[in-house]
Amino acid sequence: MKVLFALLFLLASTSLFGQQTKVMLVDVIRIDRAHKAEATYYFENNWKLFRDEAIKLGVITGYQFYETDNDGQLEFVLITEFKNEEQYAQVETNFEPILKKLRPNGPVMLNDIKPASFRETISTKKATVVAMRSFSQR
């Protein structure tokens, strides 16, 4: 009986029989429409570059970069996917060497316009995946 209880406890303590709960970091960034080119360049040549390297190193499991243009507001939605809570908790520690390696002098810009001139962070949220199915799985 003790063995059965221990086995049930072990299975219950690992989410979905060993599958870990994915964690997402979701950023919503408002973009100044007059500087969309600068913003796109900045995120594609810095944010995206860092995440491509992070995937290679196993620091994250994926990312998504969306553009929305609703109600006259241009926004980028940036999602970084982590395999579990522990990986998410190490995001700063894990990304620091990537940033130093790929951009030792700081982010690259399209021109002299600084990020504060073209972007405003509307929200940053941590989310855990409740259910997920890829569009390619249909």
C-alpha atoms as a PDB file:
ATOM      1  CA  MET A   1       0.000   0.000   0.000  1.00  0.00           C
ATOM      2  CA  LYS A   2       2.845   2.400   0.853  1.00  0.00           C
ATOM      3  CA  VAL A   3       4.429   1.702  -2.531  1.00  0.00           C
ATOM      4  CA  LEU A   4       1.157   2.470  -4.325  1.00  0.00           C
ATOM      5  CA  PHE A   5       0.744   5.719  -2.362  1.00  0.00           C
ATOM      6  CA  ALA A   6       4.353   6.730  -3.141  1.00  0.00           C
ATOM      7  CA  LEU A   7       3.861   5.960  -6.835  1.00  0.00           C
ATOM      8  CA  LEU A   8       0.626   7.968  -7.013  1.00  0.00           C
ATOM      9  CA  PHE A   9       2.273  10.881  -5.179  1.00  0.00           C
ATOM     10  CA  LEU A  10       5.235  10.811  -7.572  1.00  0.00           C
ATOM     11  CA  LEU A  11       2.968  10.777 -10.622  1.00  0.00           C
ATOM     12  CA  ALA A  12       0.805  13.578  -9.244  1.00  0.00           C
ATOM     13  CA  SER A  13       3.813  15.737  -8.427  1.00  0.00           C
ATOM     14  CA  THR A  14       4.958  15.715 -12.057  1.00  0.00           C
ATOM     15  CA  SER A  15       2.399  17.501 -14.145  1.00  0.00           C
ATOM     16  CA  LEU A  16       0.673  15.213 -16.645  1.00  0.00           C
ATOM     17  CA  PHE A  17       2.825  12.159 -15.912  1.00  0.00           C
ATOM     18  CA  GLY A  18       6.202  13.756 -16.421  1.00  0.00           C
ATOM     19  CA  GLN A  19       5.277  16.508 -18.822  1.00  0.00           C
ATOM     20  CA  GLN A  20       6.315  19.851 -17.470  1.00  0.00           C
ATOM     21  CA  THR A  21       4.101  22.891 -17.789  1.00  0.00           C
ATOM     22  CA  LYS A  22       5.350  25.294 -20.442  1.00  0.00           C
ATOM     23  CA  VAL A  23       5.711  28.919 -19.467  1.00  0.00           C
ATOM     24  CA  MET A  24       5.333  31.866 -21.824  1.00  0.00           C
ATOM     25  CA  LEU A  25       6.611  35.398 -21.429  1.00  0.00           C
ATOM     26  CA  VAL A  26       4.228  37.680 -23.342  1.00  0.00           C
ATOM     27  CA  ASP A  27       5.203  41.280 -24.098  1.00  0.00           C
ATOM     28  CA  VAL A  28       2.889  43.757 -25.787  1.00  0.00           C
ATOM     29  CA  ILE A  29       4.808  46.686 -27.243  1.00  0.00           C
ATOM     30  CA  ARG A  30       3.114  49.780 -28.697  1.00  0.00           C
ATOM     31  CA  ILE A  31       4.981  51.034 -31.765  1.00  0.00           C
ATOM     32  CA  ASP A  32       5.097  54.609 -33.025  1.00  0.00           C
ATOM     33  CA  ARG A  33       3.736  54.208 -36.541  1.00  0.00           C
ATOM     34  CA  ALA A  34       6.121  56.891 -37.859  1.00  0.00           C
ATOM     35  CA  HIS A  35       9.047  54.695 -36.777  1.00  0.00           C
ATOM     36  CA  LYS A  36       7.765  51.236 -37.711  1.00  0.00           C
ATOM     37  CA  ALA A  37      10.859  50.553 -39.855  1.00  0.00           C
ATOM     38  CA  GLU A  38      13.151  51.262 -36.898  1.00  0.00           C
ATOM     39  CA  ALA A  39      11.065  49.119 -34.559  1.00  0.00           C
ATOM     40  CA  THR A  40      10.899  46.185 -36.966  1.00  0.00           C
ATOM     41  CA  TYR A  41      14.637  46.352 -37.581  1.00  0.00           C
ATOM     42  CA  TYR A  42      15.345  46.563 -33.848  1.00  0.00           C
ATOM     43  CA  PHE A  43      13.255  43.515 -32.918  1.00  0.00           C
ATOM     44  CA  GLU A  44      14.329  41.389 -35.895  1.00  0.00           C
ATOM     45  CA  ASN A  45      18.051  42.135 -35.440  1.00  0.00           C
ATOM     46  CA  ASN A  46      18.191  41.968 -31.647  1.00  0.00           C
ATOM     47  CA  TRP A  47      15.196  40.338 -29.932  1.00  0.00           C
ATOM     48  CA  LYS A  48      14.790  37.627 -32.608  1.00  0.00           C
ATOM     49  CA  LEU A  49      18.553  37.080 -32.969  1.00  0.00           C
ATOM     50  CA  PHE A  50      18.912  36.514 -29.211  1.00  0.00           C
ATOM     51  CA  ARG A  51      16.080  33.991 -29.209  1.00  0.00           C
ATOM     52  CA  ASP A  52      17.446  32.066 -32.190  1.00  0.00           C
ATOM     53  CA  GLU A  53      20.692  31.635 -30.246  1.00  0.00           C
ATOM     54  CA  ALA A  54      18.778  30.793 -27.045  1.00  0.00           C
ATOM     55  CA  ILE A  55      16.978  27.973 -28.869  1.00  0.00           C
ATOM     56  CA  LYS A  56      20.319  26.571 -30.088  1.00  0.00           C
ATOM     57  CA  LEU A  57      21.612  26.625 -26.511  1.00  0.00           C
ATOM     58  CA  GLY A  58      18.434  25.109 -25.035  1.00  0.00           C
ATOM     59  CA  VAL A  59      17.672  28.245 -23.003  1.00  0.00           C
ATOM     60  CA  ILE A  60      14.170  28.566 -24.494  1.00  0.00           C
ATOM     61  CA  THR A  61      11.985  26.266 -26.568  1.00  0.00           C
ATOM     62  CA  GLY A  62      10.541  28.801 -28.991  1.00  0.00           C
ATOM     63  CA  TYR A  63       9.260  32.272 -29.725  1.00  0.00           C
ATOM     64  CA  GLN A  64       6.617  34.113 -31.735  1.00  0.00           C
ATOM     65  CA  PHE A  65       6.595  37.684 -33.055  1.00  0.00           C
ATOM     66  CA  TYR A  66       3.219  39.122 -34.064  1.00  0.00           C
ATOM     67  CA  GLU A  67       2.156  42.498 -35.391  1.00  0.00           C
ATOM     68  CA  THR A  68      -1.319  43.812 -34.617  1.00  0.00           C
ATOM     69  CA  ASP A  69      -2.909  46.916 -36.025  1.00  0.00           C
ATOM     70  CA  ASN A  70      -6.240  47.341 -34.261  1.00  0.00           C
ATOM     71  CA  ASP A  71      -8.134  50.518 -33.453  1.00  0.00           C
ATOM     72  CA  GLY A  72      -5.358  52.629 -34.945  1.00  0.00           C
ATOM     73  CA  GLN A  73      -2.761  51.208 -32.535  1.00  0.00           C
ATOM     74  CA  LEU A  74       0.251  49.433 -33.988  1.00  0.00           C
ATOM     75  CA  GLU A  75       1.573  46.849 -31.535  1.00  0.00           C
ATOM     76  CA  PHE A  76       4.045  43.989 -31.553  1.00  0.00           C
ATOM     77  CA  VAL A  77       3.247  40.937 -29.450  1.00  0.00           C
ATOM     78  CA  LEU A  78       6.410  39.074 -28.499  1.00  0.00           C
ATOM     79  CA  ILE A  79       6.123  35.614 -26.972  1.00  0.00           C
ATOM     80  CA  THR A  80       9.035  33.626 -25.582  1.00  0.00           C
ATOM     81  CA  GLU A  81       8.397  29.981 -24.689  1.00  0.00           C
ATOM     82  CA  PHE A  82      10.159  28.156 -21.854  1.00  0.00           C
ATOM     83  CA  LYS A  83       9.952  24.413 -21.248  1.00  0.00           C
ATOM     84  CA  ASN A  84       9.153  24.897 -17.552  1.00  0.00           C
ATOM     85  CA  GLU A  85       9.134  27.236 -14.562  1.00  0.00           C
ATOM     86  CA  GLU A  86      12.784  26.552 -13.745  1.00  0.00           C
ATOM     87  CA  GLN A  87      13.927  27.590 -17.228  1.00  0.00           C
ATOM     88  CA  TYR A  88      11.801  30.735 -16.996  1.00  0.00           C
ATOM     89  CA  ALA A  89      13.276  31.598 -13.586  1.00  0.00           C
ATOM     90  CA  GLN A  90      16.765  31.567 -15.134  1.00  0.00           C
ATOM     91  CA  VAL A  91      15.910  33.841 -18.074  1.00  0.00           C
ATOM     92  CA  GLU A  92      18.125  36.766 -17.010  1.00  0.00           C
ATOM     93  CA  THR A  93      21.075  34.543 -16.113  1.00  0.00           C
ATOM     94  CA  ASN A  94      20.752  32.518 -19.314  1.00  0.00           C
ATOM     95  CA  PHE A  95      20.313  35.488 -21.664  1.00  0.00           C
ATOM     96  CA  GLU A  96      23.154  37.626 -20.270  1.00  0.00           C
ATOM     97  CA  PRO A  97      25.966  35.681 -22.001  1.00  0.00           C
ATOM     98  CA  ILE A  98      23.953  35.551 -25.236  1.00  0.00           C
ATOM     99  CA  LEU A  99      23.564  39.330 -25.302  1.00  0.00           C
ATOM    100  CA  LYS A 100      27.249  39.846 -24.488  1.00  0.00           C
ATOM    101  CA  LYS A 101      28.320  37.384 -27.189  1.00  0.00           C
ATOM    102  CA  LEU A 102      26.058  38.583 -29.999  1.00  0.00           C
ATOM    103  CA  ARG A 103      25.848  42.305 -29.197  1.00  0.00           C
ATOM    104  CA  PRO A 104      28.824  43.215 -26.962  1.00  0.00           C
ATOM    105  CA  ASN A 105      28.359  46.925 -27.794  1.00  0.00           C
ATOM    106  CA  GLY A 106      24.601  46.908 -27.265  1.00  0.00           C
ATOM    107  CA  PRO A 107      21.708  46.478 -29.696  1.00  0.00           C
ATOM    108  CA  VAL A 108      22.076  47.389 -33.363  1.00  0.00           C
ATOM    109  CA  MET A 109      19.807  50.099 -34.701  1.00  0.00           C
ATOM    110  CA  LEU A 110      18.604  51.020 -38.175  1.00  0.00           C
ATOM    111  CA  ASN A 111      19.678  54.619 -37.611  1.00  0.00           C
ATOM    112  CA  ASP A 112      20.237  57.078 -34.753  1.00  0.00           C
ATOM    113  CA  ILE A 113      16.664  56.836 -33.457  1.00  0.00           C
ATOM    114  CA  LYS A 114      16.700  55.203 -30.011  1.00  0.00           C
ATOM    115  CA  PRO A 115      14.203  52.527 -28.867  1.00  0.00           C
ATOM    116  CA  ALA A 116      12.506  54.891 -26.398  1.00  0.00           C
ATOM    117  CA  SER A 117      11.454  56.991 -29.399  1.00  0.00           C
ATOM    118  CA  PHE A 118       9.581  54.184 -31.155  1.00  0.00           C
ATOM    119  CA  ARG A 119       8.402  51.673 -28.547  1.00  0.00           C
ATOM    120  CA  GLU A 120       6.444  51.588 -25.311  1.00  0.00           C
ATOM    121  CA  THR A 121       5.894  48.422 -23.311  1.00  0.00           C
ATOM    122  CA  ILE A 122       2.163  48.111 -22.667  1.00  0.00           C
ATOM    123  CA  SER A 123       2.344  44.876 -20.688  1.00  0.00           C
ATOM    124  CA  THR A 124       4.644  42.022 -19.769  1.00  0.00           C
ATOM    125  CA  LYS A 125       2.986  38.877 -18.470  1.00  0.00           C
ATOM    126  CA  LYS A 126       4.038  35.399 -17.508  1.00  0.00           C
ATOM    127  CA  ALA A 127       1.556  32.770 -18.650  1.00  0.00           C
ATOM    128  CA  THR A 128       1.397  29.031 -18.201  1.00  0.00           C
ATOM    129  CA  VAL A 129      -0.012  26.883 -20.950  1.00  0.00           C
ATOM    130  CA  VAL A 130      -3.404  25.385 -20.141  1.00  0.00           C
ATOM    131  CA  ALA A 131      -4.020  23.932 -23.599  1.00  0.00           C
ATOM    132  CA  MET A 132      -2.154  24.302 -26.851  1.00  0.00           C
ATOM    133  CA  ARG A 133      -2.408  22.854 -30.321  1.00  0.00           C
ATOM    134  CA  SER A 134      -0.351  23.934 -33.274  1.00  0.00           C
ATOM    135  CA  PHE A 135      -2.145  25.069 -36.405  1.00  0.00           C
ATOM    136  CA  SER A 136      -0.069  22.521 -38.322  1.00  0.00           C
ATOM    137  CA  GLN A 137      -1.661  19.709 -36.267  1.00  0.00           C
ATOM    138  CA  ARG A 138      -5.100  20.143 -37.841  1.00  0.00           C
END
